[in-house]
Amino acid sequence: MIHQLKAHLSNWFQMKDLGDLRYFLGLEVARSSKGIFLSQRKYVLDLLQDTGTLNSRPIYLPMDPNAKFQREGQLLDNPDQYRRLIGKVIYLTITRPDIYFTVQVLSQFMSFPTLDHMTAALRVLRYLKKSPGQGILLSSSSAPSLTAYCDSDWGSCVDSRKSTTGYCILLGASPISWRSKKQTVVSRSTAEAEYRAMATTTCEVIWLISLLKDLTLTSLTPALLCCDNQAALYIAANPVFHERTKHIEVDCHYVRDNMKAGIIKPTYVSTKAQLADLFTKIVSVSQHTHLLSKMGVHDIFHTSILRGSVEAERGKG
């Protein structure tokens, strides 16, 4: 069928078969028996070259853990430079979930960037310098099952005191969806913020199940919904609405209905094993490295994963 499709298109368009995908719009693809590795190494190196940070000293975290950014400070004389830089870094989040949270924070100040925001953006480039070839591995041996990790950082926004929702969804051992976003309303407790994160993650899980069903993956339910907040899990399991949870009743019904339908299965996960922490806060260097390895994020230029494929691709080049 593939050959027939190529022949049909060739009759109408001038085409050339370049073989297996190796490079497209800054996205580099390496294949082996272990799976498909996606990275943007050349894009990162070109970005470092263009910004003059190629010789900068690398660092191990994309953002200062103690940094609190606000809409005040010394404004930049040329804000377009900041906007262009953030726009280029946003494109990197396709294969770099490790910088998603930082980019989400910095992108909130595109209208009025300050010197502190620009300094933080340049720090991201120094972090990228540490491992420009880092990317995600889509494993060929993973079991066809969905596991979703969700978390929130209560009241993390200094200006609005809105919480941040973060989630990461794995198909087997391969990351296929991740997000970090400020919640639309102010949560009055940690449990409320966590439960809203569960509801958002449930929406994404349901959409992915529908998409993967069209790709003939049908045995994906119940999907594990991992949360590190016991109070939020109790709300999901308790059919009785107390007065303190009435204001989040819609989210409660949504999560509980999908749990009863067998689509999701909320379960507790320890904070140390919570992958979604990477999308709500900056953790320690050791925890950052540990969570990335559990998520399937690697640098094939520093490890043995798919190294033979990379060397073969270099030989072809």
Protein backbone atom coordinates (compact mmCIF):
# COMPACT_ATOMS: atom_id res chain seq x y z
CA MET A 1 0.00 0.00 0.00
CA ILE A 2 2.89 2.37 0.74
CA HIS A 3 4.44 1.72 -2.68
CA GLN A 4 1.08 2.21 -4.37
CA LEU A 5 0.58 5.53 -2.58
CA LYS A 6 4.05 6.73 -3.59
CA ALA A 7 3.43 5.74 -7.20
CA HIS A 8 0.06 7.52 -7.23
CA LEU A 9 1.51 10.74 -5.81
CA SER A 10 4.43 10.61 -8.24
CA ASN A 11 1.97 10.68 -11.12
CA TRP A 12 0.67 14.04 -9.95
CA PHE A 13 3.64 15.68 -8.24
CA GLN A 14 7.38 15.82 -8.78
CA MET A 15 8.67 13.68 -5.91
CA LYS A 16 11.83 12.07 -4.64
CA ASP A 17 12.01 9.27 -2.07
CA LEU A 18 14.70 10.17 0.47
CA GLY A 19 14.29 6.98 2.51
CA ASP A 20 13.76 6.82 6.26
CA LEU A 21 13.27 10.11 8.06
CA ARG A 22 16.49 11.43 9.60
CA TYR A 23 16.06 15.22 9.76
CA PHE A 24 13.04 17.49 9.38
CA LEU A 25 12.60 21.12 10.50
CA GLY A 26 15.30 20.85 13.15
CA LEU A 27 14.04 17.48 14.39
CA GLU A 28 16.63 14.69 14.27
CA VAL A 29 15.55 11.04 14.19
CA ALA A 30 17.76 8.05 15.06
CA ARG A 31 16.50 4.47 14.85
CA SER A 32 17.64 1.15 16.28
CA SER A 33 16.18 -2.04 17.68
CA LYS A 34 15.54 -0.16 20.97
CA GLY A 35 13.23 2.36 19.35
CA ILE A 36 13.19 5.83 17.84
CA PHE A 37 15.17 8.65 19.42
CA LEU A 38 14.07 12.25 18.78
CA SER A 39 16.33 15.23 19.45
CA GLN A 40 17.09 18.74 18.18
CA ARG A 41 20.86 18.83 18.61
CA LYS A 42 21.66 20.90 15.52
CA TYR A 43 18.88 23.34 16.37
CA VAL A 44 20.32 23.80 19.86
CA LEU A 45 23.88 24.31 18.60
CA ASP A 46 22.68 26.83 16.00
CA LEU A 47 20.74 28.67 18.70
CA LEU A 48 23.80 28.81 20.96
CA GLN A 49 25.89 30.05 18.05
CA ASP A 50 23.39 32.77 17.10
CA THR A 51 23.10 34.05 20.68
CA GLY A 52 26.85 33.99 21.35
CA THR A 53 26.55 31.50 24.22
CA LEU A 54 28.28 28.55 22.56
CA ASN A 55 31.34 29.02 24.79
CA SER A 56 29.41 29.73 27.97
CA ARG A 57 29.81 27.64 31.09
CA PRO A 58 27.10 24.91 31.26
CA ILE A 59 24.83 24.55 34.29
CA TYR A 60 22.70 21.67 35.56
CA LEU A 61 19.27 23.27 36.12
CA PRO A 62 17.29 25.37 33.64
CA MET A 63 16.17 27.87 36.29
CA ASP A 64 17.30 29.08 39.70
CA PRO A 65 15.20 27.14 42.27
CA ASN A 66 14.86 30.31 44.39
CA ALA A 67 13.79 32.58 41.54
CA LYS A 68 10.40 34.34 41.82
CA PHE A 69 9.48 36.36 38.75
CA GLN A 70 7.07 39.29 38.81
CA ARG A 71 5.74 41.90 36.40
CA GLU A 72 8.06 44.57 37.72
CA GLY A 73 11.71 45.53 37.36
CA GLN A 74 13.99 47.22 34.85
CA LEU A 75 12.38 46.89 31.41
CA LEU A 76 14.51 45.82 28.45
CA ASP A 77 15.40 48.45 25.87
CA ASN A 78 14.81 45.90 23.10
CA PRO A 79 12.00 43.52 24.18
CA ASP A 80 11.86 41.95 20.68
CA GLN A 81 15.16 40.21 21.40
CA TYR A 82 13.61 38.48 24.41
CA ARG A 83 10.48 37.54 22.46
CA ARG A 84 12.47 36.02 19.62
CA LEU A 85 14.60 34.03 22.06
CA ILE A 86 11.60 32.65 23.95
CA GLY A 87 9.90 31.78 20.67
CA LYS A 88 12.93 29.76 19.58
CA VAL A 89 13.16 27.99 22.94
CA ILE A 90 9.44 27.14 22.86
CA TYR A 91 10.09 25.11 19.70
CA LEU A 92 12.62 23.07 21.66
CA THR A 93 9.94 21.80 24.06
CA ILE A 94 8.93 19.33 21.33
CA THR A 95 11.76 17.06 22.47
CA ARG A 96 12.91 18.78 25.69
CA PRO A 97 10.28 18.31 28.43
CA ASP A 98 13.00 19.22 30.94
CA ILE A 99 12.74 22.92 30.03
CA TYR A 100 8.94 23.08 29.62
CA PHE A 101 8.24 24.50 33.08
CA THR A 102 10.90 27.20 32.79
CA VAL A 103 9.74 28.21 29.31
CA GLN A 104 6.14 28.32 30.53
CA VAL A 105 7.12 30.73 33.30
CA LEU A 106 9.23 33.00 31.10
CA SER A 107 6.66 33.12 28.30
CA GLN A 108 4.22 34.85 30.67
CA PHE A 109 6.33 38.02 30.48
CA MET A 110 6.50 38.47 26.72
CA SER A 111 4.63 41.79 26.86
CA PHE A 112 6.92 43.54 29.35
CA PRO A 113 10.16 41.59 29.79
CA THR A 114 12.66 42.85 32.33
CA LEU A 115 16.37 42.37 32.79
CA ASP A 116 15.72 39.56 35.28
CA HIS A 117 13.62 37.71 32.72
CA MET A 118 16.32 38.04 30.07
CA THR A 119 18.95 36.75 32.51
CA ALA A 120 16.75 33.73 33.23
CA ALA A 121 16.27 33.10 29.49
CA LEU A 122 20.04 33.15 28.95
CA ARG A 123 20.38 30.67 31.82
CA VAL A 124 18.20 28.24 29.83
CA LEU A 125 20.75 28.44 27.01
CA ARG A 126 23.56 27.59 29.44
CA TYR A 127 21.52 24.60 30.57
CA LEU A 128 21.06 23.48 26.97
CA LYS A 129 24.83 23.76 26.48
CA LYS A 130 25.29 20.94 29.01
CA SER A 131 23.53 18.36 26.79
CA PRO A 132 22.50 19.73 23.37
CA GLY A 133 21.77 16.21 22.08
CA GLN A 134 19.29 15.33 24.79
CA GLY A 135 15.91 14.07 23.60
CA ILE A 136 13.19 11.48 24.10
CA LEU A 137 13.27 7.76 23.38
CA LEU A 138 10.15 6.16 21.92
CA SER A 139 10.78 2.60 23.01
CA SER A 140 9.94 -0.31 20.72
CA SER A 141 9.62 -2.79 23.60
CA SER A 142 7.23 -0.95 25.93
CA ALA A 143 3.93 -2.46 26.93
CA PRO A 144 0.86 -0.73 25.39
CA SER A 145 -0.39 0.94 28.57
CA LEU A 146 -0.99 4.53 29.61
CA THR A 147 0.40 6.00 32.81
CA ALA A 148 -0.31 9.64 33.67
CA TYR A 149 1.50 11.65 36.35
CA CYS A 150 -0.13 14.86 37.55
CA ASP A 151 0.94 17.46 40.08
CA SER A 152 0.41 21.08 41.04
CA ASP A 153 2.36 23.83 42.77
CA TRP A 154 -0.14 25.62 44.99
CA GLY A 155 -0.22 29.42 44.69
CA SER A 156 3.09 29.55 42.83
CA CYS A 157 2.30 32.71 40.83
CA VAL A 158 3.47 35.71 42.87
CA ASP A 159 1.23 38.17 41.03
CA SER A 160 -2.07 36.23 40.93
CA ARG A 161 -1.49 33.39 43.43
CA LYS A 162 -2.83 30.94 40.87
CA SER A 163 -1.43 27.42 40.97
CA THR A 164 0.47 25.60 38.24
CA THR A 165 -0.76 22.34 36.75
CA GLY A 166 1.80 19.89 35.40
CA TYR A 167 1.37 16.45 33.90
CA CYS A 168 3.32 13.86 31.97
CA ILE A 169 1.76 10.88 30.18
CA LEU A 170 3.72 7.79 29.18
CA LEU A 171 2.80 5.13 26.63
CA GLY A 172 4.63 2.21 28.16
CA ALA A 173 7.99 3.81 28.99
CA SER A 174 7.81 6.50 26.28
CA PRO A 175 6.70 10.08 26.99
CA ILE A 176 4.01 11.14 24.53
CA SER A 177 2.37 14.15 26.20
CA TRP A 178 3.45 16.72 28.80
CA ARG A 179 2.29 20.13 29.90
CA SER A 180 2.83 22.90 32.40
CA LYS A 181 0.19 25.62 32.66
CA LYS A 182 -1.15 28.12 35.15
CA GLN A 183 -4.63 27.26 36.41
CA THR A 184 -7.49 29.57 35.44
CA VAL A 185 -8.79 30.11 38.98
CA VAL A 186 -7.24 30.56 42.40
CA SER A 187 -7.30 27.36 44.45
CA ARG A 188 -8.01 27.71 48.16
CA SER A 189 -6.06 24.62 49.24
CA THR A 190 -3.37 22.26 48.08
CA ALA A 191 -5.97 19.49 47.66
CA GLU A 192 -8.07 21.71 45.42
CA ALA A 193 -5.08 22.60 43.25
CA GLU A 194 -4.09 18.93 43.00
CA TYR A 195 -7.63 17.89 42.11
CA ARG A 196 -7.87 20.46 39.35
CA ALA A 197 -4.61 19.05 38.00
CA MET A 198 -6.18 15.57 38.07
CA ALA A 199 -9.18 16.83 36.08
CA THR A 200 -6.97 18.47 33.45
CA THR A 201 -4.87 15.32 33.12
CA THR A 202 -8.00 13.19 32.81
CA CYS A 203 -9.11 15.30 29.82
CA GLU A 204 -5.77 14.68 28.11
CA VAL A 205 -5.89 10.94 28.87
CA ILE A 206 -9.37 10.61 27.36
CA TRP A 207 -8.24 12.43 24.20
CA LEU A 208 -5.15 10.23 23.88
CA ILE A 209 -7.20 7.06 24.34
CA SER A 210 -9.48 8.18 21.51
CA LEU A 211 -6.50 9.01 19.28
CA LEU A 212 -4.65 5.77 19.98
CA LYS A 213 -7.85 3.79 19.41
CA ASP A 214 -7.82 5.07 15.82
CA LEU A 215 -4.24 3.75 15.62
CA THR A 216 -5.52 0.26 16.62
CA LEU A 217 -4.37 0.48 20.27
CA THR A 218 -7.57 -0.45 22.07
CA SER A 219 -6.51 -2.05 25.38
CA LEU A 220 -5.42 1.10 27.20
CA THR A 221 -7.99 1.36 29.99
CA PRO A 222 -7.90 1.81 32.85
CA ALA A 223 -5.06 4.32 32.57
CA LEU A 224 -3.15 4.87 35.80
CA LEU A 225 -3.48 8.43 37.12
CA CYS A 226 -0.62 8.92 39.56
CA CYS A 227 -0.97 11.65 42.18
CA ASP A 228 1.16 12.34 45.27
CA ASN A 229 -1.62 14.05 47.26
CA GLN A 230 -3.69 11.76 49.46
CA ALA A 231 -6.42 14.35 50.04
CA ALA A 232 -7.11 14.66 46.31
CA LEU A 233 -7.30 10.87 45.99
CA TYR A 234 -9.78 10.72 48.89
CA ILE A 235 -11.99 13.31 47.18
CA ALA A 236 -11.96 11.21 44.00
CA ALA A 237 -12.99 8.09 45.91
CA ASN A 238 -15.55 9.66 48.27
CA PRO A 239 -19.06 9.94 46.76
CA VAL A 240 -20.16 12.38 49.47
CA PHE A 241 -19.61 16.09 48.82
CA HIS A 242 -18.70 18.03 51.88
CA GLU A 243 -19.14 21.78 52.11
CA ARG A 244 -15.42 22.35 51.70
CA THR A 245 -15.42 20.63 48.29
CA LYS A 246 -18.65 22.04 46.80
CA HIS A 247 -16.78 24.78 44.91
CA ILE A 248 -14.87 22.11 42.91
CA GLU A 249 -17.90 19.88 42.40
CA VAL A 250 -17.69 19.92 38.58
CA ASP A 251 -14.12 18.61 38.57
CA CYS A 252 -15.08 16.08 41.24
CA HIS A 253 -17.91 14.70 39.13
CA TYR A 254 -15.73 14.60 36.02
CA VAL A 255 -12.88 12.65 37.58
CA ARG A 256 -15.16 10.32 39.55
CA ASP A 257 -17.40 9.53 36.56
CA ASN A 258 -14.41 8.55 34.44
CA MET A 259 -13.06 6.48 37.32
CA LYS A 260 -16.36 4.62 37.61
CA ALA A 261 -16.38 4.07 33.85
CA GLY A 262 -13.02 2.33 34.11
CA ILE A 263 -11.18 4.89 31.97
CA ILE A 264 -8.78 6.04 34.68
CA LYS A 265 -7.52 4.52 37.90
CA PRO A 266 -6.27 7.10 40.41
CA THR A 267 -3.34 5.81 42.42
CA TYR A 268 -0.85 7.20 44.89
CA VAL A 269 2.78 7.76 43.96
CA SER A 270 5.49 9.03 46.27
CA THR A 271 6.83 12.53 45.76
CA LYS A 272 10.27 11.18 44.85
CA ALA A 273 8.73 9.21 41.96
CA GLN A 274 6.41 11.99 40.78
CA LEU A 275 7.48 12.76 37.20
CA ALA A 276 5.14 15.74 37.02
CA ASP A 277 7.32 17.59 39.54
CA LEU A 278 9.46 18.64 36.57
CA PHE A 279 6.48 20.59 35.21
CA THR A 280 5.51 22.46 38.38
CA LYS A 281 8.77 23.39 40.08
CA ILE A 282 12.56 23.28 39.94
CA VAL A 283 13.89 20.28 41.88
CA SER A 284 17.42 19.42 42.99
CA VAL A 285 20.04 18.40 40.44
CA SER A 286 20.02 14.74 41.54
CA GLN A 287 16.20 14.55 41.50
CA HIS A 288 16.11 16.36 38.14
CA THR A 289 18.44 13.77 36.61
CA HIS A 290 16.57 10.88 38.23
CA LEU A 291 13.15 11.97 36.97
CA LEU A 292 14.44 12.59 33.44
CA SER A 293 15.85 9.06 33.26
CA LYS A 294 12.51 7.62 34.46
CA MET A 295 10.69 9.68 31.83
CA GLY A 296 12.74 8.27 28.96
CA VAL A 297 14.77 11.45 28.36
CA HIS A 298 18.37 10.67 27.38
CA ASP A 299 21.39 12.11 25.61
CA ILE A 300 22.60 9.53 23.10
CA PHE A 301 25.84 11.43 22.67
CA HIS A 302 26.72 10.75 26.32
CA THR A 303 25.19 7.28 26.78
CA SER A 304 25.17 4.00 24.91
CA ILE A 305 21.48 4.26 23.97
CA LEU A 306 21.18 4.18 20.17
CA ARG A 307 24.82 5.28 19.82
CA GLY A 308 25.37 2.82 16.99
CA SER A 309 22.50 4.38 15.06
CA VAL A 310 23.90 7.87 15.51
CA GLU A 311 27.33 6.79 14.26
CA ALA A 312 25.69 5.12 11.27
CA GLU A 313 23.79 8.32 10.48
CA ARG A 314 27.03 10.28 10.68
CA GLY A 315 28.64 7.84 8.24
CA LYS A 316 25.81 8.41 5.77
CA GLY A 317 26.29 12.18 6.11
